[in-house]
Amino acid sequence: MIKNFNFCIVDDDDIYQFTVIKTIKALNLAKNIIAFSDGEEALDFMIKNLHKDEELPDVILLDINMPIMDGFQFMEEYVKIKPKLGKKITIYMVSSSVDTVDIERAKKISEISDYIIKPIKKGELKSIVDKLIDENNED
């Protein structure tokens, strides 16, 4: 049984958003995809939907460099609201940065499952969903 998940893309690059959404749809991996251009928009959405599990994402693909609120600032705020969330959300930091400082900083945040260097590939998206299916089957 394949369960489709709610995906959330937080990235200020419209072309990247379009490409990832198209790929997720082509692979039939998501029942719902939402996209935000900065961390603040995504955080506001999460806070408004704290107790609406069906609205909240299962997976967040989070960019680092964005205006208003970057990926690391989003994570600082996410950690504060996480205990109030009714569901587990898997977060992947997806960035074009190959800077070891960024990679190490992301790895130190336990809520970030992995660091993926852009562009994200079809196989990476499939393995994200495979991991989720495995985790859900263990529950």
N, C-alpha and C. Protein backbone atom coordinates (compact mmCIF):
# COMPACT_ATOMS: atom_id res chain seq x y z
N MET A 1 0.84 -1.19 0.00
CA MET A 1 0.00 0.00 0.00
C MET A 1 0.88 1.25 0.00
N ILE A 2 0.69 2.09 -0.97
CA ILE A 2 1.45 3.34 -1.02
C ILE A 2 0.57 4.45 -0.46
N LYS A 3 1.12 5.09 0.57
CA LYS A 3 0.39 6.21 1.15
C LYS A 3 0.99 7.49 0.57
N ASN A 4 0.15 8.36 0.07
CA ASN A 4 0.65 9.63 -0.42
C ASN A 4 0.72 10.62 0.73
N PHE A 5 1.71 11.47 0.68
CA PHE A 5 2.01 12.36 1.79
C PHE A 5 1.77 13.82 1.41
N ASN A 6 1.70 14.66 2.44
CA ASN A 6 1.65 16.11 2.25
C ASN A 6 3.09 16.62 2.19
N PHE A 7 3.43 17.25 1.09
CA PHE A 7 4.75 17.84 0.94
C PHE A 7 4.66 19.36 1.10
N CYS A 8 5.69 19.92 1.68
CA CYS A 8 5.80 21.38 1.81
C CYS A 8 7.17 21.79 1.29
N ILE A 9 7.18 22.72 0.36
CA ILE A 9 8.43 23.24 -0.18
C ILE A 9 8.58 24.67 0.31
N VAL A 10 9.69 24.94 0.97
CA VAL A 10 9.95 26.30 1.46
C VAL A 10 11.21 26.78 0.75
N ASP A 11 11.00 27.59 -0.28
CA ASP A 11 12.12 28.03 -1.12
C ASP A 11 11.69 29.26 -1.90
N ASP A 12 12.56 30.25 -2.00
CA ASP A 12 12.21 31.49 -2.68
C ASP A 12 12.45 31.44 -4.19
N ASP A 13 12.97 30.33 -4.69
CA ASP A 13 13.23 30.18 -6.12
C ASP A 13 12.01 29.56 -6.81
N ASP A 14 11.28 30.39 -7.57
CA ASP A 14 10.05 29.94 -8.22
C ASP A 14 10.29 28.79 -9.19
N ILE A 15 11.39 28.84 -9.92
CA ILE A 15 11.69 27.78 -10.89
C ILE A 15 11.97 26.47 -10.17
N TYR A 16 12.72 26.53 -9.08
CA TYR A 16 12.99 25.33 -8.28
C TYR A 16 11.67 24.76 -7.74
N GLN A 17 10.83 25.63 -7.18
CA GLN A 17 9.53 25.19 -6.67
C GLN A 17 8.74 24.47 -7.76
N PHE A 18 8.65 25.09 -8.92
CA PHE A 18 7.91 24.53 -10.04
C PHE A 18 8.45 23.15 -10.42
N THR A 19 9.76 23.05 -10.53
CA THR A 19 10.40 21.79 -10.93
C THR A 19 10.16 20.69 -9.92
N VAL A 20 10.32 20.99 -8.64
CA VAL A 20 10.12 19.98 -7.60
C VAL A 20 8.66 19.55 -7.54
N ILE A 21 7.75 20.51 -7.63
CA ILE A 21 6.32 20.18 -7.60
C ILE A 21 5.97 19.26 -8.78
N LYS A 22 6.48 19.61 -9.96
CA LYS A 22 6.22 18.80 -11.16
C LYS A 22 6.79 17.39 -10.98
N THR A 23 7.97 17.26 -10.42
CA THR A 23 8.59 15.95 -10.21
C THR A 23 7.80 15.13 -9.19
N ILE A 24 7.41 15.75 -8.08
CA ILE A 24 6.63 15.04 -7.05
C ILE A 24 5.31 14.54 -7.65
N LYS A 25 4.66 15.39 -8.45
CA LYS A 25 3.40 14.99 -9.09
C LYS A 25 3.62 13.87 -10.10
N ALA A 26 4.68 13.98 -10.90
CA ALA A 26 4.97 12.96 -11.92
C ALA A 26 5.22 11.59 -11.28
N LEU A 27 5.85 11.60 -10.11
CA LEU A 27 6.15 10.36 -9.40
C LEU A 27 4.97 9.90 -8.53
N ASN A 28 3.92 10.73 -8.48
CA ASN A 28 2.73 10.42 -7.68
C ASN A 28 3.08 10.16 -6.21
N LEU A 29 3.88 11.05 -5.64
CA LEU A 29 4.36 10.86 -4.27
C LEU A 29 3.55 11.63 -3.24
N ALA A 30 2.74 12.58 -3.69
CA ALA A 30 2.07 13.46 -2.72
C ALA A 30 0.57 13.54 -2.99
N LYS A 31 -0.18 13.60 -1.89
CA LYS A 31 -1.60 13.87 -2.06
C LYS A 31 -1.83 15.38 -2.05
N ASN A 32 -0.88 16.10 -1.48
CA ASN A 32 -1.01 17.55 -1.39
C ASN A 32 0.39 18.17 -1.36
N ILE A 33 0.55 19.27 -2.09
CA ILE A 33 1.84 19.98 -2.10
C ILE A 33 1.55 21.45 -1.84
N ILE A 34 2.22 21.99 -0.83
CA ILE A 34 2.11 23.42 -0.57
C ILE A 34 3.51 24.01 -0.68
N ALA A 35 3.57 25.26 -1.09
CA ALA A 35 4.86 25.90 -1.27
C ALA A 35 4.83 27.31 -0.69
N PHE A 36 5.95 27.68 -0.09
CA PHE A 36 6.11 29.00 0.51
C PHE A 36 7.44 29.58 0.05
N SER A 37 7.48 30.92 -0.06
CA SER A 37 8.68 31.59 -0.54
C SER A 37 9.66 31.97 0.56
N ASP A 38 9.23 31.85 1.81
CA ASP A 38 10.16 32.12 2.92
C ASP A 38 9.69 31.38 4.16
N GLY A 39 10.59 31.29 5.11
CA GLY A 39 10.31 30.55 6.33
C GLY A 39 9.17 31.12 7.15
N GLU A 40 9.00 32.43 7.12
CA GLU A 40 7.94 33.06 7.91
C GLU A 40 6.56 32.64 7.42
N GLU A 41 6.37 32.61 6.08
CA GLU A 41 5.09 32.16 5.52
C GLU A 41 4.80 30.72 5.96
N ALA A 42 5.82 29.87 5.88
CA ALA A 42 5.66 28.46 6.25
C ALA A 42 5.34 28.33 7.74
N LEU A 43 6.04 29.09 8.57
CA LEU A 43 5.82 29.03 10.01
C LEU A 43 4.41 29.51 10.36
N ASP A 44 3.97 30.59 9.73
CA ASP A 44 2.61 31.09 9.97
C ASP A 44 1.57 30.02 9.63
N PHE A 45 1.79 29.33 8.50
CA PHE A 45 0.89 28.25 8.11
C PHE A 45 0.87 27.14 9.17
N MET A 46 2.06 26.77 9.66
CA MET A 46 2.16 25.70 10.66
C MET A 46 1.42 26.10 11.94
N ILE A 47 1.59 27.34 12.37
CA ILE A 47 0.96 27.81 13.60
C ILE A 47 -0.57 27.82 13.43
N LYS A 48 -1.05 28.29 12.27
CA LYS A 48 -2.50 28.33 12.02
C LYS A 48 -3.11 26.93 11.98
N ASN A 49 -2.31 25.94 11.63
CA ASN A 49 -2.82 24.57 11.47
C ASN A 49 -2.24 23.60 12.49
N LEU A 50 -1.82 24.12 13.64
CA LEU A 50 -1.17 23.29 14.66
C LEU A 50 -1.90 21.99 14.96
N HIS A 51 -3.22 22.04 15.02
CA HIS A 51 -3.99 20.86 15.43
C HIS A 51 -4.77 20.25 14.28
N LYS A 52 -4.39 20.60 13.06
CA LYS A 52 -5.05 20.04 11.88
C LYS A 52 -4.05 19.15 11.14
N ASP A 53 -3.90 17.92 11.62
CA ASP A 53 -2.90 17.02 11.06
C ASP A 53 -3.03 16.83 9.55
N GLU A 54 -4.28 16.82 9.05
CA GLU A 54 -4.47 16.58 7.62
C GLU A 54 -3.96 17.76 6.78
N GLU A 55 -3.85 18.94 7.39
CA GLU A 55 -3.34 20.12 6.67
C GLU A 55 -1.81 20.21 6.75
N LEU A 56 -1.27 19.75 7.86
CA LEU A 56 0.17 19.87 8.08
C LEU A 56 0.96 18.95 7.15
N PRO A 57 2.17 19.38 6.79
CA PRO A 57 2.98 18.53 5.91
C PRO A 57 3.55 17.32 6.65
N ASP A 58 3.80 16.26 5.88
CA ASP A 58 4.55 15.12 6.40
C ASP A 58 6.04 15.35 6.16
N VAL A 59 6.32 16.06 5.07
CA VAL A 59 7.70 16.32 4.65
C VAL A 59 7.85 17.80 4.33
N ILE A 60 8.93 18.40 4.84
CA ILE A 60 9.27 19.77 4.47
C ILE A 60 10.62 19.74 3.78
N LEU A 61 10.68 20.32 2.58
CA LEU A 61 11.94 20.52 1.87
C LEU A 61 12.29 21.99 2.06
N LEU A 62 13.29 22.24 2.88
CA LEU A 62 13.59 23.59 3.37
C LEU A 62 14.90 24.13 2.82
N ASP A 63 14.82 25.27 2.17
CA ASP A 63 16.00 25.96 1.66
C ASP A 63 16.66 26.73 2.80
N ILE A 64 17.93 27.06 2.64
CA ILE A 64 18.61 27.87 3.66
C ILE A 64 18.45 29.35 3.35
N ASN A 65 18.91 29.76 2.19
CA ASN A 65 18.97 31.19 1.86
C ASN A 65 17.67 31.70 1.26
N MET A 66 16.91 32.42 2.11
CA MET A 66 15.64 33.02 1.68
C MET A 66 15.51 34.38 2.34
N PRO A 67 14.72 35.27 1.73
CA PRO A 67 14.48 36.57 2.38
C PRO A 67 13.54 36.40 3.58
N ILE A 68 13.45 37.41 4.38
CA ILE A 68 12.57 37.51 5.56
C ILE A 68 12.97 36.53 6.65
N MET A 69 12.83 35.22 6.42
CA MET A 69 13.23 34.22 7.42
C MET A 69 13.90 33.07 6.68
N ASP A 70 15.20 32.86 6.95
CA ASP A 70 15.91 31.80 6.25
C ASP A 70 15.64 30.43 6.90
N GLY A 71 16.20 29.40 6.32
CA GLY A 71 15.95 28.05 6.80
C GLY A 71 16.37 27.80 8.24
N PHE A 72 17.50 28.37 8.64
CA PHE A 72 17.96 28.17 10.02
C PHE A 72 17.07 28.93 11.01
N GLN A 73 16.63 30.12 10.63
CA GLN A 73 15.70 30.88 11.50
C GLN A 73 14.38 30.13 11.61
N PHE A 74 13.91 29.54 10.49
CA PHE A 74 12.69 28.74 10.53
C PHE A 74 12.86 27.59 11.53
N MET A 75 13.99 26.93 11.48
CA MET A 75 14.22 25.79 12.37
C MET A 75 14.22 26.22 13.84
N GLU A 76 14.78 27.39 14.14
CA GLU A 76 14.77 27.90 15.53
C GLU A 76 13.33 28.03 16.02
N GLU A 77 12.45 28.55 15.17
CA GLU A 77 11.06 28.74 15.55
C GLU A 77 10.29 27.41 15.53
N TYR A 78 10.61 26.55 14.58
CA TYR A 78 9.95 25.25 14.49
C TYR A 78 10.17 24.43 15.76
N VAL A 79 11.38 24.47 16.28
CA VAL A 79 11.70 23.72 17.50
C VAL A 79 10.77 24.15 18.65
N LYS A 80 10.41 25.43 18.67
CA LYS A 80 9.53 25.95 19.73
C LYS A 80 8.09 25.44 19.59
N ILE A 81 7.61 25.28 18.34
CA ILE A 81 6.23 24.83 18.16
C ILE A 81 6.10 23.32 18.04
N LYS A 82 7.21 22.63 17.82
CA LYS A 82 7.17 21.18 17.60
C LYS A 82 6.41 20.41 18.68
N PRO A 83 6.59 20.73 19.98
CA PRO A 83 5.86 19.97 21.01
C PRO A 83 4.33 20.11 20.89
N LYS A 84 3.86 21.17 20.25
CA LYS A 84 2.42 21.39 20.12
C LYS A 84 1.83 20.69 18.90
N LEU A 85 2.70 20.21 18.00
CA LEU A 85 2.24 19.56 16.78
C LEU A 85 1.72 18.17 17.08
N GLY A 86 0.64 17.80 16.43
CA GLY A 86 0.04 16.50 16.66
C GLY A 86 0.62 15.40 15.79
N LYS A 87 1.53 15.75 14.87
CA LYS A 87 2.07 14.74 13.97
C LYS A 87 3.56 14.93 13.79
N LYS A 88 4.20 13.87 13.37
CA LYS A 88 5.65 13.90 13.10
C LYS A 88 5.85 14.50 11.70
N ILE A 89 6.74 15.45 11.62
CA ILE A 89 7.07 16.08 10.34
C ILE A 89 8.55 15.84 10.08
N THR A 90 8.85 15.34 8.90
CA THR A 90 10.24 15.06 8.52
C THR A 90 10.75 16.24 7.70
N ILE A 91 11.89 16.80 8.13
CA ILE A 91 12.43 17.99 7.47
C ILE A 91 13.77 17.67 6.82
N TYR A 92 13.88 18.06 5.56
CA TYR A 92 15.13 17.95 4.82
C TYR A 92 15.58 19.34 4.45
N MET A 93 16.81 19.66 4.77
CA MET A 93 17.41 20.93 4.35
C MET A 93 17.91 20.69 2.93
N VAL A 94 17.36 21.45 1.98
CA VAL A 94 17.73 21.30 0.57
C VAL A 94 18.31 22.64 0.12
N SER A 95 19.59 22.63 -0.20
CA SER A 95 20.24 23.89 -0.52
C SER A 95 21.28 23.71 -1.62
N SER A 96 21.57 24.80 -2.30
CA SER A 96 22.66 24.76 -3.28
C SER A 96 24.01 25.00 -2.58
N SER A 97 23.97 25.31 -1.30
CA SER A 97 25.21 25.57 -0.56
C SER A 97 25.97 24.27 -0.31
N VAL A 98 27.22 24.28 -0.73
CA VAL A 98 28.09 23.13 -0.43
C VAL A 98 29.08 23.52 0.68
N ASP A 99 28.82 24.64 1.31
CA ASP A 99 29.66 25.14 2.39
C ASP A 99 29.58 24.19 3.59
N THR A 100 30.72 23.69 4.03
CA THR A 100 30.74 22.74 5.14
C THR A 100 30.16 23.36 6.42
N VAL A 101 30.24 24.67 6.56
CA VAL A 101 29.67 25.34 7.74
C VAL A 101 28.15 25.14 7.75
N ASP A 102 27.52 25.34 6.60
CA ASP A 102 26.06 25.14 6.50
C ASP A 102 25.70 23.68 6.74
N ILE A 103 26.44 22.78 6.12
CA ILE A 103 26.15 21.35 6.25
C ILE A 103 26.28 20.90 7.70
N GLU A 104 27.37 21.30 8.36
CA GLU A 104 27.59 20.92 9.77
C GLU A 104 26.53 21.54 10.67
N ARG A 105 26.17 22.79 10.40
CA ARG A 105 25.15 23.47 11.21
C ARG A 105 23.82 22.72 11.09
N ALA A 106 23.47 22.30 9.89
CA ALA A 106 22.23 21.57 9.68
C ALA A 106 22.27 20.22 10.39
N LYS A 107 23.41 19.55 10.34
CA LYS A 107 23.54 18.22 10.97
C LYS A 107 23.42 18.30 12.49
N LYS A 108 23.70 19.46 13.05
CA LYS A 108 23.60 19.63 14.51
C LYS A 108 22.16 19.83 14.98
N ILE A 109 21.26 20.08 14.05
CA ILE A 109 19.85 20.28 14.40
C ILE A 109 19.16 18.93 14.27
N SER A 110 18.79 18.35 15.40
CA SER A 110 18.25 16.98 15.38
C SER A 110 16.95 16.86 14.61
N GLU A 111 16.20 17.95 14.46
CA GLU A 111 14.93 17.90 13.73
C GLU A 111 15.13 17.81 12.22
N ILE A 112 16.34 18.05 11.74
CA ILE A 112 16.62 17.95 10.30
C ILE A 112 17.09 16.52 10.01
N SER A 113 16.34 15.83 9.16
CA SER A 113 16.66 14.43 8.84
C SER A 113 17.91 14.28 7.99
N ASP A 114 18.10 15.22 7.05
CA ASP A 114 19.26 15.12 6.17
C ASP A 114 19.47 16.44 5.45
N TYR A 115 20.64 16.58 4.86
CA TYR A 115 21.00 17.75 4.08
C TYR A 115 21.16 17.28 2.63
N ILE A 116 20.39 17.86 1.74
CA ILE A 116 20.44 17.47 0.33
C ILE A 116 20.89 18.67 -0.49
N ILE A 117 21.87 18.43 -1.36
CA ILE A 117 22.37 19.52 -2.21
C ILE A 117 21.53 19.56 -3.49
N LYS A 118 21.07 20.78 -3.81
CA LYS A 118 20.26 20.99 -5.01
C LYS A 118 21.09 20.73 -6.26
N PRO A 119 20.45 20.32 -7.32
CA PRO A 119 19.01 20.05 -7.43
C PRO A 119 18.68 18.68 -6.84
N ILE A 120 17.52 18.59 -6.22
CA ILE A 120 17.09 17.31 -5.64
C ILE A 120 16.70 16.39 -6.81
N LYS A 121 17.12 15.15 -6.73
CA LYS A 121 16.89 14.21 -7.82
C LYS A 121 15.67 13.34 -7.55
N LYS A 122 15.11 12.77 -8.62
CA LYS A 122 13.93 11.90 -8.50
C LYS A 122 14.18 10.79 -7.48
N GLY A 123 15.36 10.17 -7.57
CA GLY A 123 15.70 9.07 -6.66
C GLY A 123 15.71 9.51 -5.21
N GLU A 124 16.16 10.75 -4.96
CA GLU A 124 16.17 11.27 -3.58
C GLU A 124 14.74 11.46 -3.08
N LEU A 125 13.87 11.98 -3.93
CA LEU A 125 12.47 12.16 -3.54
C LEU A 125 11.81 10.80 -3.26
N LYS A 126 12.10 9.82 -4.10
CA LYS A 126 11.54 8.48 -3.90
C LYS A 126 12.04 7.88 -2.58
N SER A 127 13.32 8.06 -2.29
CA SER A 127 13.85 7.47 -1.05
C SER A 127 13.30 8.18 0.19
N ILE A 128 13.00 9.47 0.08
CA ILE A 128 12.36 10.19 1.19
C ILE A 128 11.01 9.53 1.49
N VAL A 129 10.23 9.29 0.44
CA VAL A 129 8.91 8.68 0.62
C VAL A 129 9.03 7.24 1.10
N ASP A 130 9.99 6.50 0.55
CA ASP A 130 10.21 5.12 1.01
C ASP A 130 10.51 5.07 2.50
N LYS A 131 11.33 5.99 2.96
CA LYS A 131 11.65 6.05 4.40
C LYS A 131 10.40 6.33 5.23
N LEU A 132 9.57 7.25 4.76
CA LEU A 132 8.33 7.56 5.46
C LEU A 132 7.40 6.36 5.53
N ILE A 133 7.29 5.65 4.41
CA ILE A 133 6.43 4.46 4.38
C ILE A 133 6.96 3.43 5.38
N ASP A 134 8.29 3.22 5.38
CA ASP A 134 8.89 2.27 6.33
C ASP A 134 8.61 2.68 7.77
N GLU A 135 8.79 3.98 8.08
CA GLU A 135 8.56 4.47 9.44
C GLU A 135 7.10 4.29 9.84
N ASN A 136 6.17 4.54 8.90
CA ASN A 136 4.75 4.39 9.21
C ASN A 136 4.37 2.94 9.41
N ASN A 137 5.03 2.04 8.71
CA ASN A 137 4.75 0.61 8.86
C ASN A 137 5.27 0.07 10.18
N GLU A 138 6.28 0.76 10.76
CA GLU A 138 6.82 0.34 12.06
C GLU A 138 5.91 0.74 13.21
N ASP A 139 5.10 1.79 12.99
CA ASP A 139 4.22 2.30 14.06
C ASP A 139 3.14 1.32 14.43
